[in-house]
Amino acid sequence: MTNISDNPGETWATMVSRHGQKRAIQLNQRNMANHTPIPLIGSIIYEDDDLQAQLMTNRAMAIIQQSLSTDSVLFSFQKGLFSDRFDAYKEIQRQISSDVEFRPLSLYDDRADGSLLIEAKFSDMDHASQAIQEGVCIQGVVYRALSTMKKAKLGELMHVQFTLLRMVDQTTLIHDLMESLSYYGRVLQVKQYRRQGFFEGQMSMIIDTSVGYQVGQGKWQEAKPLSRMLYLSKFDCFVPATYKGAPPICHFCHQSGHIRSGCPQLTKRRCFGCDRPGHIVRFCPDTKQSVVLDLEEVGEPAATPDVTDHNNVEEIPSGSESEEEVLEENPLEEVLDSGEEMVCESNDEEDEVQLACAAPQGSLHSKFAPDSVSLSMKVDPPAQKLDSPKEKSSLPSTAKAKEMSFEQKKRELDERNARLLRKNREFLREVARFNN
C-alpha cells in the first residue's frame, strides 16, 4: 500500500484532495451485538485555559441566538444559591460596583438545570477586570466572571470524536495531535477514552474552527472545513470522525455528503425485479408482484407403434379381439387423454404465483434489520392449521367442495387407469400367444 506521504513535494491540501473520495469507516454494530457493554472512561490529557470561558460564551449565545454585548462578562451560580436572582445582583453591586447592568440569560434557556446565568456589563473596564480576576465571594466560595471578548462565534466551537487507528507514541501524542488538527482550527481540549484500562484509539476534541492556521512564515489562512474523514499529517492517516452537523454517510457507496436515496452510484444500477433504475431488487418499491401462468395446451401423443403387421393380426382366431378393436381404445392414449382431462379440470382457475424476488421488501428485510425482527418467526394460529379433520372443517365451503371434487376425480382416474392396464396386459398376452 502506497503511503500518503511518499511524495515529499506534495502539500497537505494536495494530499487531502487526492484522497477526498475515501470511503468512510464505521463501526459494525452487528459485531458488537454479542459483546458485553463496557462503558468508556474518559480522561482529559490537555485543556486550554480559555476553554471554560469559551464554553460559557457559546452556551449564552445559543440561548439568545445572537452575539453578546461588547465587553460584557458572565456570572454563573449554582442552583439554590439564591432564593431570587435579585439577591445575586445586590451581591455583585456590593462587592464590585453599583454601576452595572444585568441580563438574566438563564430565564430564556429551554434546557435550564436550575442554575443562574447572568450577563453583566460594567461601565468601568477596571471593574470588569476585577470581576474576572477576583470575582464575588458567596458563602465562602469565590465565583469569578468569565470574559466574552474575542470568543468563537455561535456554531464555531465543535466537539469532534474520532478513532485513531494508527499506533501512537504516548510521549508525543498531544504534540502530534495539536499540529495535525491545527489545519481545522484551535484545539481547546483533548480527551482520551479507555475501556477497562485499554486504549483502543477513541478520542474527542473541542476545536474552535474560527481560528485559522499558518504555514511556515506565511500569512494566516482560514481553517479547513471538517469532514467525516480527517487527515492527520503527523500520523499520515485518515480517521473517521463524527460531530454535530456532520454530513450523512451513504449506506450504499459509503461516501459522505448524501444518503442512499440520492446516491449517484445507485442511480446507475437497475433493479432485476422491476427493471427500473435507481435501486436494487432488495429494496424494490413494488412490494407485491404476481404473474399469471397460462396452461400450455397438451399436444397430441405420438401413435404407439404396432406390435405386429396387419396381415398377422387378421389371422387371430375369431374368439379373440381384433387388432383394430383393441387399438380403438389404446390404453396409452386413454391414459394421456384422461390425464389431460384431470389437469384441465383441476386447474379451471388460473394460478397466481408470487415471485421470490418480488416479496415485500424494506429495511426490516435487509441486513440492517434489528435482531428482534430478523430472528423472529410467525406461527399460524390453530384455526389456520390443517393437521386434523376437525381443523379442516373450519375451511370455507367452496374450498371443501373443490377438495372433495378433486379427490373423487382422482379415485375415478385411478380405477380407469387400472382397467386400461389390465386390458393392455391381456392384449400383450394374446399377441405373444399368436406369435408362438
Protein backbone atom coordinates (compact mmCIF):
# COMPACT_ATOMS: atom_id res chain seq x y z
CA MET A 1 0.00 0.00 0.00
CA THR A 2 1.42 3.39 -1.01
CA ASN A 3 1.92 5.76 1.87
CA ILE A 4 0.21 9.11 1.66
CA SER A 5 3.43 10.95 2.38
CA ASP A 6 5.62 9.10 -0.11
CA ASN A 7 5.85 12.26 -2.26
CA PRO A 8 7.53 14.87 -0.04
CA GLY A 9 6.90 17.65 -2.55
CA GLU A 10 3.10 17.49 -2.15
CA THR A 11 1.30 19.94 0.08
CA TRP A 12 -1.24 19.00 2.70
CA ALA A 13 -4.13 20.26 0.56
CA THR A 14 -2.97 18.18 -2.41
CA MET A 15 -2.84 15.01 -0.36
CA VAL A 16 -6.29 15.57 1.10
CA SER A 17 -7.85 16.38 -2.29
CA ARG A 18 -6.32 13.24 -3.82
CA HIS A 19 -7.86 11.09 -1.11
CA GLY A 20 -11.07 13.08 -0.77
CA GLN A 21 -13.21 10.20 -2.09
CA LYS A 22 -12.00 7.81 0.58
CA ARG A 23 -14.78 5.62 1.94
CA ALA A 24 -15.93 6.47 5.45
CA ILE A 25 -15.17 3.83 8.06
CA GLN A 26 -17.92 2.97 10.52
CA LEU A 27 -18.11 0.58 13.44
CA ASN A 28 -20.10 -2.53 12.59
CA GLN A 29 -22.82 -2.72 15.23
CA ARG A 30 -23.53 -6.38 14.49
CA ASN A 31 -20.00 -7.32 15.54
CA MET A 32 -20.64 -5.57 18.85
CA ALA A 33 -24.09 -7.08 19.47
CA ASN A 34 -22.80 -10.13 21.37
CA HIS A 35 -20.24 -8.18 23.40
CA THR A 36 -20.90 -7.14 26.98
CA PRO A 37 -21.40 -3.36 27.06
CA ILE A 38 -18.44 -1.85 28.89
CA PRO A 39 -18.51 1.91 29.45
CA LEU A 40 -15.75 4.15 28.16
CA ILE A 41 -13.86 6.13 30.78
CA GLY A 42 -12.52 9.45 29.53
CA SER A 43 -9.56 11.36 30.87
CA ILE A 44 -8.56 14.89 29.85
CA ILE A 45 -4.93 14.96 28.71
CA TYR A 46 -4.95 18.59 27.55
CA GLU A 47 -7.18 21.60 28.20
CA ASP A 48 -6.75 25.24 27.25
CA ASP A 49 -7.02 27.88 29.97
CA ASP A 50 -9.64 29.71 27.95
CA LEU A 51 -11.90 26.67 27.47
CA GLN A 52 -14.42 27.37 30.24
CA ALA A 53 -14.94 30.95 29.06
CA GLN A 54 -15.39 29.70 25.51
CA LEU A 55 -17.97 27.10 26.57
CA MET A 56 -19.90 29.55 28.73
CA THR A 57 -19.95 32.18 26.00
CA ASN A 58 -21.08 29.64 23.44
CA ARG A 59 -23.87 28.49 25.76
CA ALA A 60 -25.04 32.08 26.32
CA MET A 61 -25.10 32.81 22.58
CA ALA A 62 -27.03 29.60 21.97
CA ILE A 63 -29.69 30.74 24.44
CA ILE A 64 -30.33 34.16 22.93
CA GLN A 65 -29.36 33.13 19.35
CA GLN A 66 -27.17 36.20 18.85
CA SER A 67 -23.87 37.65 19.97
CA LEU A 68 -23.42 39.07 23.45
CA SER A 69 -22.90 42.70 24.38
CA THR A 70 -19.43 44.12 23.85
CA ASP A 71 -17.07 44.00 26.88
CA SER A 72 -19.61 42.10 28.99
CA VAL A 73 -18.85 39.31 31.47
CA LEU A 74 -20.75 36.21 32.53
CA PHE A 75 -21.57 35.05 36.07
CA SER A 76 -22.75 31.52 36.72
CA PHE A 77 -24.18 30.47 40.08
CA GLN A 78 -25.29 27.01 41.13
CA LYS A 79 -28.90 26.00 41.75
CA GLY A 80 -30.36 27.05 45.11
CA LEU A 81 -27.59 29.51 45.98
CA PHE A 82 -30.01 32.46 45.83
CA SER A 83 -33.72 32.45 46.59
CA ASP A 84 -34.15 35.18 43.98
CA ARG A 85 -31.93 36.47 41.18
CA PHE A 86 -32.12 39.99 42.62
CA ASP A 87 -30.07 38.80 45.60
CA ALA A 88 -27.27 37.96 43.16
CA TYR A 89 -27.50 41.44 41.62
CA LYS A 90 -27.13 43.02 45.06
CA GLU A 91 -24.06 40.93 45.96
CA ILE A 92 -22.31 41.88 42.70
CA GLN A 93 -23.06 45.56 43.26
CA ARG A 94 -21.92 45.39 46.89
CA GLN A 95 -18.61 43.61 46.24
CA ILE A 96 -17.57 45.13 42.89
CA SER A 97 -19.51 48.16 41.64
CA SER A 98 -23.03 49.52 41.60
CA ASP A 99 -22.59 50.98 38.13
CA VAL A 100 -23.50 47.76 36.29
CA GLU A 101 -26.34 46.41 34.14
CA PHE A 102 -27.66 42.83 34.22
CA ARG A 103 -29.41 40.39 31.85
CA PRO A 104 -30.71 37.05 33.28
CA LEU A 105 -29.95 34.75 30.31
CA SER A 106 -30.93 31.53 32.12
CA LEU A 107 -34.58 32.65 32.09
CA TYR A 108 -34.63 32.07 28.31
CA ASP A 109 -32.92 28.67 28.39
CA ASP A 110 -35.22 25.84 27.29
CA ARG A 111 -32.92 23.27 28.90
CA ALA A 112 -32.39 25.10 32.18
CA ASP A 113 -30.99 22.99 35.02
CA GLY A 114 -31.82 25.48 37.76
CA SER A 115 -28.51 27.33 37.67
CA LEU A 116 -28.38 31.12 37.29
CA LEU A 117 -26.55 32.58 34.27
CA ILE A 118 -26.20 36.37 34.31
CA GLU A 119 -24.62 38.69 31.74
CA ALA A 120 -23.22 41.82 33.37
CA LYS A 121 -21.65 44.90 31.82
CA PHE A 122 -19.69 47.36 33.97
CA SER A 123 -19.24 50.96 32.94
CA ASP A 124 -15.59 50.86 34.04
CA MET A 125 -13.32 48.24 32.44
CA ASP A 126 -11.32 48.02 35.68
CA HIS A 127 -14.39 46.72 37.43
CA ALA A 128 -14.86 44.14 34.67
CA SER A 129 -11.25 43.02 35.15
CA GLN A 130 -11.85 42.80 38.91
CA ALA A 131 -14.90 40.58 38.34
CA ILE A 132 -12.80 38.28 36.13
CA GLN A 133 -9.76 38.07 38.40
CA GLU A 134 -11.26 38.33 41.91
CA GLY A 135 -14.97 37.58 41.43
CA VAL A 136 -17.52 37.61 44.23
CA CYS A 137 -17.47 35.55 47.44
CA ILE A 138 -20.75 33.80 48.31
CA GLN A 139 -20.86 31.57 51.40
CA GLY A 140 -17.10 31.16 51.37
CA VAL A 141 -16.94 30.22 47.66
CA VAL A 142 -15.42 32.57 45.07
CA TYR A 143 -17.35 32.85 41.79
CA ARG A 144 -15.26 34.54 39.10
CA ALA A 145 -16.77 36.07 35.99
CA LEU A 146 -15.83 34.89 32.52
CA SER A 147 -14.84 37.25 29.76
CA THR A 148 -16.73 37.23 26.45
CA MET A 149 -14.14 39.15 24.45
CA LYS A 150 -12.59 37.53 21.34
CA LYS A 151 -14.58 34.32 21.68
CA ALA A 152 -15.77 31.96 18.99
CA LYS A 153 -18.97 32.78 17.23
CA LEU A 154 -22.08 30.67 17.61
CA GLY A 155 -21.58 27.29 15.94
CA GLU A 156 -17.80 27.61 15.59
CA LEU A 157 -16.96 25.61 18.73
CA MET A 158 -17.10 21.98 17.59
CA HIS A 159 -16.94 18.79 19.66
CA VAL A 160 -15.26 16.20 17.40
CA GLN A 161 -15.00 12.50 18.17
CA PHE A 162 -12.83 10.12 16.16
CA THR A 163 -10.98 6.81 16.37
CA LEU A 164 -7.24 6.87 15.75
CA LEU A 165 -6.49 3.55 14.04
CA ARG A 166 -2.73 4.18 13.79
CA MET A 167 -0.49 3.12 16.70
CA VAL A 168 0.83 6.17 18.55
CA ASP A 169 3.68 7.21 20.80
CA GLN A 170 2.13 8.38 24.07
CA THR A 171 5.07 10.71 24.80
CA THR A 172 4.43 12.79 21.66
CA LEU A 173 0.68 12.14 21.25
CA ILE A 174 -0.52 15.58 22.36
CA HIS A 175 2.04 17.47 20.27
CA ASP A 176 1.29 15.42 17.15
CA LEU A 177 -2.47 15.83 17.57
CA MET A 178 -2.22 19.59 18.11
CA GLU A 179 -0.13 20.05 14.99
CA SER A 180 -2.23 17.70 12.84
CA LEU A 181 -5.52 19.33 13.84
CA SER A 182 -4.24 22.90 13.58
CA TYR A 183 -5.44 22.96 9.96
CA TYR A 184 -9.04 22.63 11.22
CA GLY A 185 -8.81 25.27 13.99
CA ARG A 186 -7.55 25.80 17.51
CA VAL A 187 -7.64 22.75 19.78
CA LEU A 188 -9.03 23.63 23.22
CA GLN A 189 -9.35 20.17 24.77
CA VAL A 190 -8.10 16.65 24.14
CA LYS A 191 -9.80 13.73 25.86
CA GLN A 192 -8.68 10.12 25.71
CA TYR A 193 -11.05 7.21 26.33
CA ARG A 194 -10.17 3.81 27.75
CA ARG A 195 -12.18 0.62 28.18
CA GLN A 196 -11.13 -1.47 31.17
CA GLY A 197 -7.87 0.45 31.18
CA PHE A 198 -7.06 -0.27 27.50
CA PHE A 199 -6.74 2.49 24.92
CA GLU A 200 -8.30 1.48 21.58
CA GLY A 201 -7.97 4.79 19.76
CA GLN A 202 -11.18 6.56 20.86
CA MET A 203 -10.59 10.29 21.37
CA SER A 204 -12.58 13.52 21.45
CA MET A 205 -11.56 17.11 20.74
CA ILE A 206 -13.06 20.53 21.25
CA ILE A 207 -11.93 22.72 18.34
CA ASP A 208 -12.50 26.41 17.72
CA THR A 209 -12.99 26.42 13.94
CA SER A 210 -12.89 30.23 13.75
CA VAL A 211 -9.10 30.25 14.22
CA GLY A 212 -7.07 29.78 11.04
CA TYR A 213 -3.63 28.26 10.52
CA GLN A 214 -0.25 29.46 9.34
CA VAL A 215 2.14 27.56 7.07
CA GLY A 216 5.74 28.40 7.94
CA GLN A 217 6.25 32.17 7.99
CA GLY A 218 3.41 32.80 5.55
CA LYS A 219 0.17 34.59 6.20
CA TRP A 220 -2.72 33.15 8.16
CA GLN A 221 -5.29 31.17 6.22
CA GLU A 222 -8.84 30.15 7.03
CA ALA A 223 -9.35 26.85 8.76
CA LYS A 224 -10.18 23.85 6.61
CA PRO A 225 -13.77 22.59 6.93
CA LEU A 226 -14.33 19.43 8.94
CA SER A 227 -15.22 16.21 7.15
CA ARG A 228 -16.14 12.63 8.04
CA MET A 229 -12.57 11.51 7.25
CA LEU A 230 -9.98 13.84 8.83
CA TYR A 231 -6.38 13.70 7.67
CA LEU A 232 -3.75 13.77 10.42
CA SER A 233 -0.47 14.83 8.86
CA LYS A 234 1.77 13.73 11.75
CA PHE A 235 0.29 10.23 11.74
CA ASP A 236 -0.06 10.16 7.94
CA CYS A 237 -3.53 8.61 8.08
CA PHE A 238 -7.24 9.35 7.87
CA VAL A 239 -9.52 8.95 10.89
CA PRO A 240 -13.34 8.54 10.85
CA ALA A 241 -14.86 11.50 12.70
CA THR A 242 -18.31 12.44 13.98
CA TYR A 243 -19.54 15.84 15.08
CA LYS A 244 -22.72 17.89 15.21
CA GLY A 245 -23.82 18.86 11.73
CA ALA A 246 -21.60 16.27 10.02
CA PRO A 247 -22.71 15.22 6.51
CA PRO A 248 -24.52 11.87 6.33
CA ILE A 249 -22.89 8.70 5.05
CA CYS A 250 -24.49 6.71 2.25
CA HIS A 251 -25.08 3.06 3.19
CA PHE A 252 -24.58 2.00 -0.45
CA CYS A 253 -21.29 3.62 -1.54
CA HIS A 254 -20.09 4.63 1.97
CA GLN A 255 -19.28 8.14 0.78
CA SER A 256 -20.22 11.16 2.87
CA GLY A 257 -22.36 14.04 1.66
CA HIS A 258 -25.53 12.21 0.60
CA ILE A 259 -27.88 9.41 1.62
CA ARG A 260 -28.88 6.22 -0.16
CA SER A 261 -31.86 7.73 -1.98
CA GLY A 262 -29.61 10.36 -3.59
CA CYS A 263 -26.58 8.15 -4.25
CA PRO A 264 -25.11 8.84 -7.71
CA GLN A 265 -23.79 5.28 -7.97
CA LEU A 266 -27.17 3.78 -7.13
CA THR A 267 -28.85 5.68 -9.96
CA LYS A 268 -26.68 3.70 -12.39
CA ARG A 269 -27.96 0.38 -11.05
CA ARG A 270 -31.04 -1.31 -12.50
CA CYS A 271 -33.41 -3.47 -10.47
CA PHE A 272 -33.69 -7.08 -11.61
CA GLY A 273 -37.30 -7.23 -10.37
CA CYS A 274 -39.00 -4.21 -11.97
CA ASP A 275 -36.23 -3.27 -14.44
CA ARG A 276 -36.23 0.35 -13.26
CA PRO A 277 -33.07 2.31 -12.38
CA GLY A 278 -32.29 3.81 -9.01
CA HIS A 279 -32.50 0.79 -6.68
CA ILE A 280 -31.70 -2.90 -6.36
CA VAL A 281 -34.14 -5.79 -6.02
CA ARG A 282 -33.70 -5.97 -2.24
CA PHE A 283 -35.26 -2.52 -1.85
CA CYS A 284 -37.68 -2.67 -4.78
CA PRO A 285 -40.67 -0.33 -4.19
CA ASP A 286 -43.03 -2.84 -5.78
CA THR A 287 -43.86 -4.70 -2.60
CA LYS A 288 -46.08 -7.24 -4.33
CA GLN A 289 -45.86 -8.56 -7.87
CA SER A 290 -47.75 -11.52 -9.26
CA VAL A 291 -47.74 -13.31 -12.58
CA VAL A 292 -50.50 -15.46 -14.06
CA LEU A 293 -49.34 -18.74 -15.53
CA ASP A 294 -51.37 -19.82 -18.57
CA LEU A 295 -51.59 -23.56 -19.01
CA GLU A 296 -50.00 -24.72 -22.22
CA GLU A 297 -52.05 -26.90 -24.44
CA VAL A 298 -51.05 -30.52 -24.23
CA GLY A 299 -50.01 -31.84 -27.66
CA GLU A 300 -51.38 -35.00 -29.23
CA PRO A 301 -49.42 -38.06 -28.07
CA ALA A 302 -47.41 -39.91 -30.63
CA ALA A 303 -49.02 -43.04 -32.05
CA THR A 304 -47.93 -46.30 -30.43
CA PRO A 305 -46.03 -48.48 -32.91
CA ASP A 306 -47.83 -51.68 -33.91
CA VAL A 307 -46.54 -54.84 -32.29
CA THR A 308 -47.36 -56.93 -35.43
CA ASP A 309 -48.26 -56.15 -39.04
CA HIS A 310 -51.82 -56.07 -40.32
CA ASN A 311 -51.67 -59.45 -42.09
CA ASN A 312 -50.73 -61.31 -38.95
CA VAL A 313 -53.47 -59.64 -36.98
CA GLU A 314 -56.13 -60.87 -39.43
CA GLU A 315 -55.13 -64.47 -38.65
CA ILE A 316 -56.01 -64.10 -34.97
CA PRO A 317 -58.74 -66.59 -34.02
CA SER A 318 -62.27 -65.35 -34.05
CA GLY A 319 -62.63 -65.83 -30.31
CA SER A 320 -60.13 -63.00 -29.59
CA GLU A 321 -60.43 -59.28 -30.20
CA SER A 322 -59.00 -57.95 -33.45
CA GLU A 323 -56.12 -55.52 -33.52
CA GLU A 324 -58.34 -52.71 -34.80
CA GLU A 325 -60.78 -53.20 -31.96
CA VAL A 326 -58.02 -53.09 -29.38
CA LEU A 327 -56.32 -50.06 -30.92
CA GLU A 328 -59.58 -48.15 -30.94
CA GLU A 329 -59.22 -47.82 -27.22
CA ASN A 330 -55.44 -47.72 -26.91
CA PRO A 331 -54.69 -47.72 -23.17
CA LEU A 332 -51.76 -45.32 -23.55
CA GLU A 333 -53.88 -42.78 -25.38
CA GLU A 334 -56.65 -43.12 -22.85
CA VAL A 335 -54.20 -42.54 -20.00
CA LEU A 336 -52.89 -39.40 -21.66
CA ASP A 337 -56.39 -38.18 -22.52
CA SER A 338 -57.64 -38.82 -19.01
CA GLY A 339 -54.56 -37.11 -17.55
CA GLU A 340 -55.25 -34.11 -19.76
CA GLU A 341 -58.83 -34.01 -18.56
CA MET A 342 -57.74 -34.21 -14.93
CA VAL A 343 -55.17 -31.41 -15.34
CA CYS A 344 -57.61 -29.16 -17.13
CA GLU A 345 -60.44 -29.85 -14.69
CA SER A 346 -58.30 -29.37 -11.61
CA ASN A 347 -56.87 -26.14 -12.97
CA ASP A 348 -60.02 -24.38 -14.07
CA GLU A 349 -58.90 -21.27 -12.28
CA GLU A 350 -55.63 -19.52 -13.08
CA ASP A 351 -52.89 -19.96 -10.52
CA GLU A 352 -51.15 -16.90 -9.11
CA VAL A 353 -47.51 -17.42 -8.26
CA GLN A 354 -45.60 -14.78 -6.33
CA LEU A 355 -42.07 -14.16 -7.45
CA ALA A 356 -39.39 -14.80 -4.86
CA CYS A 357 -37.62 -11.57 -5.82
CA ALA A 358 -40.87 -9.61 -5.54
CA ALA A 359 -41.56 -10.35 -1.89
CA PRO A 360 -42.31 -7.35 0.32
CA GLN A 361 -39.00 -5.68 0.94
CA GLY A 362 -37.78 -2.84 3.11
CA SER A 363 -35.27 -2.00 5.81
CA LEU A 364 -36.75 -4.73 8.05
CA HIS A 365 -35.95 -7.36 5.38
CA SER A 366 -32.35 -6.19 4.88
CA LYS A 367 -29.17 -6.93 6.79
CA PHE A 368 -29.74 -3.76 8.79
CA ALA A 369 -32.85 -5.19 10.49
CA PRO A 370 -32.66 -5.47 14.32
CA ASP A 371 -32.33 -8.87 15.95
CA SER A 372 -35.89 -8.69 17.28
CA VAL A 373 -37.16 -8.74 13.68
CA SER A 374 -34.55 -10.82 11.84
CA LEU A 375 -34.61 -13.67 14.42
CA SER A 376 -38.38 -13.87 14.86
CA MET A 377 -40.91 -16.01 13.01
CA LYS A 378 -44.66 -16.11 12.60
CA VAL A 379 -46.62 -19.09 13.95
CA ASP A 380 -50.03 -19.77 12.46
CA PRO A 381 -52.91 -19.89 14.95
CA PRO A 382 -54.68 -23.24 15.46
CA ALA A 383 -57.62 -22.05 13.37
CA GLN A 384 -55.44 -21.93 10.26
CA LYS A 385 -53.73 -25.29 10.69
CA LEU A 386 -54.87 -28.31 8.62
CA ASP A 387 -53.43 -31.16 10.66
CA SER A 388 -56.70 -32.82 11.73
CA PRO A 389 -60.14 -33.39 10.14
CA LYS A 390 -61.65 -31.23 12.84
CA GLU A 391 -59.47 -28.32 11.83
CA LYS A 392 -60.19 -28.99 8.16
CA SER A 393 -63.88 -28.44 8.84
CA SER A 394 -63.15 -24.77 9.50
CA LEU A 395 -62.29 -24.23 5.82
CA PRO A 396 -64.72 -22.26 3.65
CA SER A 397 -67.43 -24.29 1.95
CA THR A 398 -66.13 -23.56 -1.55
CA ALA A 399 -62.64 -24.80 -0.67
CA LYS A 400 -64.02 -28.01 0.87
CA ALA A 401 -66.21 -28.64 -2.16
CA LYS A 402 -63.26 -28.25 -4.52
CA GLU A 403 -61.13 -30.55 -2.39
CA MET A 404 -63.81 -33.28 -2.33
CA SER A 405 -64.38 -32.98 -6.10
CA PHE A 406 -60.68 -33.31 -6.77
CA GLU A 407 -60.34 -36.41 -4.56
CA GLN A 408 -63.33 -38.08 -6.26
CA LYS A 409 -61.95 -37.42 -9.74
CA LYS A 410 -58.59 -38.76 -8.63
CA ARG A 411 -60.17 -42.02 -7.44
CA GLU A 412 -62.12 -42.40 -10.71
CA LEU A 413 -58.96 -41.80 -12.70
CA ASP A 414 -57.02 -44.40 -10.71
CA GLU A 415 -59.77 -47.01 -11.32
CA ARG A 416 -59.87 -46.20 -15.04
CA ASN A 417 -56.10 -46.47 -15.35
CA ALA A 418 -56.19 -49.84 -13.60
CA ARG A 419 -58.78 -51.17 -16.09
CA LEU A 420 -56.77 -49.94 -19.05
CA LEU A 421 -53.61 -51.56 -17.75
CA ARG A 422 -55.43 -54.88 -17.34
CA LYS A 423 -56.71 -54.71 -20.93
CA ASN A 424 -53.24 -53.85 -22.16
CA ARG A 425 -51.70 -56.85 -20.40
CA GLU A 426 -54.39 -59.14 -21.86
CA PHE A 427 -53.70 -57.80 -25.34
CA LEU A 428 -49.97 -58.39 -24.99
CA ARG A 429 -50.57 -61.97 -23.82
CA GLU A 430 -52.77 -62.65 -26.87
CA VAL A 431 -50.13 -61.24 -29.20
CA ALA A 432 -47.43 -63.35 -27.59
CA ARG A 433 -49.57 -66.48 -27.83
CA PHE A 434 -50.29 -65.80 -31.51
CA ASN A 435 -46.59 -65.36 -32.28
CA ASN A 436 -45.78 -68.68 -30.62
